[in-house]
Amino acid sequence: MSHEHYFIDVSAYDRVDVYRLIELAGITCPVAQHVFKKAFATGERGHKDLRRDWQDIADSAARRLQMMDEDDGWNAEAIRAASFGQQNTIDCRTDEQKAGSHSAQLEELGDRIRKGLAQIGAAAGNVKVTGR
């Protein structure tokens, strides 16, 4: 049979729970045990929903990767740079959309600065802010 490594003989038991499966599968890493346990009954444990279970799995997996990096001698700064985040997403906007987004953000920031300076000037009575 192909993929024989995915099958575990449980014939010696009437029933098996997640802990017995972990033992029979030979999962020794505490993080892998935790992930396996959560994945075994995602969204069905009653006190957490499916999304929270998957978030917990992702968080645990991220921590295990971080631990592996620590074991390989990475420092905290290198680990942070390689951690999950924006680099793992794809920006599907066009170049025009990206430029427009940045332009709008810069215009909004400029407006806020001009407004703040105008308020300061009005309070001081001697500063005039020009622009837009």
Protein backbone atom coordinates (compact mmCIF):
# COMPACT_ATOMS: atom_id res chain seq x y z
CA MET A 1 0.00 0.00 0.00
CA SER A 2 1.33 3.45 -0.84
CA HIS A 3 1.86 5.96 1.93
CA GLU A 4 2.14 3.19 4.49
CA HIS A 5 3.69 5.67 6.95
CA TYR A 6 0.25 7.28 7.35
CA PHE A 7 -1.25 4.15 8.88
CA ILE A 8 -0.92 3.08 12.54
CA ASP A 9 -1.89 -0.31 13.92
CA VAL A 10 -4.45 0.26 16.67
CA SER A 11 -5.83 -3.28 16.70
CA ALA A 12 -4.66 -3.83 20.29
CA TYR A 13 -7.15 -1.20 21.48
CA ASP A 14 -10.93 -0.95 21.47
CA ARG A 15 -10.73 2.84 21.31
CA VAL A 16 -7.91 5.32 20.99
CA ASP A 17 -7.81 8.95 22.01
CA VAL A 18 -5.56 11.68 20.77
CA TYR A 19 -2.92 10.96 23.41
CA ARG A 20 -2.70 7.28 22.42
CA LEU A 21 -2.42 8.31 18.77
CA ILE A 22 0.39 10.70 19.61
CA GLU A 23 2.19 7.90 21.44
CA LEU A 24 1.62 5.33 18.68
CA ALA A 25 2.72 7.80 16.01
CA GLY A 26 5.91 8.48 17.95
CA ILE A 27 5.39 12.23 18.08
CA THR A 28 7.95 13.39 20.64
CA CYS A 29 8.15 17.12 19.98
CA PRO A 30 5.92 18.93 22.49
CA VAL A 31 4.91 21.52 19.91
CA ALA A 32 4.01 18.84 17.35
CA GLN A 33 1.98 17.06 20.03
CA HIS A 34 0.13 20.29 20.77
CA VAL A 35 -0.55 20.95 17.08
CA PHE A 36 -1.69 17.37 16.52
CA LYS A 37 -4.05 17.54 19.47
CA LYS A 38 -5.61 20.80 18.24
CA ALA A 39 -5.86 19.58 14.64
CA PHE A 40 -7.47 16.34 15.78
CA ALA A 41 -10.68 18.12 16.80
CA THR A 42 -10.55 21.62 15.32
CA GLY A 43 -13.65 23.60 16.10
CA GLU A 44 -15.23 20.72 18.02
CA ARG A 45 -13.80 21.19 21.49
CA GLY A 46 -16.62 23.47 22.60
CA HIS A 47 -14.82 26.46 24.09
CA LYS A 48 -13.00 27.70 20.98
CA ASP A 49 -14.23 28.09 17.43
CA LEU A 50 -12.63 26.69 14.30
CA ARG A 51 -10.79 29.91 13.44
CA ARG A 52 -9.29 30.19 16.93
CA ASP A 53 -8.09 26.58 16.79
CA TRP A 54 -6.38 27.21 13.45
CA GLN A 55 -4.84 30.41 14.79
CA ASP A 56 -3.50 28.47 17.77
CA ILE A 57 -2.04 25.87 15.39
CA ALA A 58 -0.39 28.60 13.30
CA ASP A 59 0.98 30.32 16.41
CA SER A 60 2.40 27.04 17.72
CA ALA A 61 3.97 26.20 14.36
CA ALA A 62 5.49 29.70 14.16
CA ARG A 63 6.96 29.27 17.64
CA ARG A 64 8.45 25.88 16.67
CA LEU A 65 10.09 27.46 13.63
CA GLN A 66 11.43 30.18 15.88
CA MET A 67 12.81 27.55 18.27
CA MET A 68 14.52 25.80 15.36
CA ASP A 69 16.11 29.10 14.35
CA GLU A 70 17.26 29.67 17.93
CA ASP A 71 18.78 26.18 17.94
CA ASP A 72 20.59 27.02 14.70
CA GLY A 73 22.15 30.08 16.36
CA TRP A 74 19.95 32.84 14.95
CA ASN A 75 19.71 35.96 17.08
CA ALA A 76 16.45 37.65 18.03
CA GLU A 77 16.74 40.30 15.30
CA ALA A 78 17.22 37.72 12.54
CA ILE A 79 14.32 35.67 13.87
CA ARG A 80 12.03 38.72 13.89
CA ALA A 81 13.03 39.55 10.32
CA ALA A 82 12.20 36.01 9.20
CA SER A 83 8.99 35.68 11.19
CA PHE A 84 5.49 35.59 9.75
CA GLY A 85 4.12 38.81 8.43
CA GLN A 86 3.80 40.99 5.40
CA GLN A 87 6.41 39.09 3.38
CA ASN A 88 4.06 36.09 3.35
CA THR A 89 1.29 37.92 1.54
CA ILE A 90 0.80 38.82 -2.09
CA ASP A 91 -0.21 42.35 -3.01
CA CYS A 92 -2.57 41.92 -5.97
CA ARG A 93 -3.11 45.63 -6.57
CA THR A 94 -1.93 47.19 -9.82
CA ASP A 95 0.97 49.65 -9.74
CA GLU A 96 -1.55 52.46 -10.24
CA GLN A 97 -3.59 51.28 -7.27
CA LYS A 98 -0.48 51.05 -5.11
CA ALA A 99 0.65 54.53 -6.16
CA GLY A 100 -2.85 55.92 -5.58
CA SER A 101 -2.97 54.40 -2.14
CA HIS A 102 0.34 55.95 -1.17
CA SER A 103 -0.63 59.30 -2.69
CA ALA A 104 -3.90 59.33 -0.77
CA GLN A 105 -2.11 58.47 2.45
CA LEU A 106 0.46 61.21 1.88
CA GLU A 107 -2.25 63.75 1.06
CA GLU A 108 -4.15 62.83 4.20
CA LEU A 109 -0.99 63.15 6.28
CA GLY A 110 -0.25 66.53 4.68
CA ASP A 111 -3.76 67.73 5.43
CA ARG A 112 -3.44 66.65 9.06
CA ILE A 113 -0.09 68.41 9.41
CA ARG A 114 -1.42 71.62 7.81
CA LYS A 115 -4.48 71.53 10.07
CA GLY A 116 -2.33 71.01 13.16
CA LEU A 117 0.02 73.83 12.18
CA ALA A 118 -2.95 76.11 11.48
CA GLN A 119 -4.34 75.39 14.94
CA ILE A 120 -0.95 76.11 16.50
CA GLY A 121 -0.63 79.30 14.47
CA ALA A 122 -4.11 80.45 15.41
CA ALA A 123 -3.33 79.84 19.05
CA ALA A 124 -0.04 81.71 18.79
CA GLY A 125 -1.55 84.43 16.61
CA ASN A 126 1.48 84.75 14.34
CA VAL A 127 1.75 81.74 12.01
CA LYS A 128 -0.02 81.47 8.69
CA VAL A 129 -0.13 78.07 6.96
CA THR A 130 -0.63 78.00 3.21
CA GLY A 131 -1.26 75.09 0.91
CA ARG A 132 -4.18 73.12 -0.40
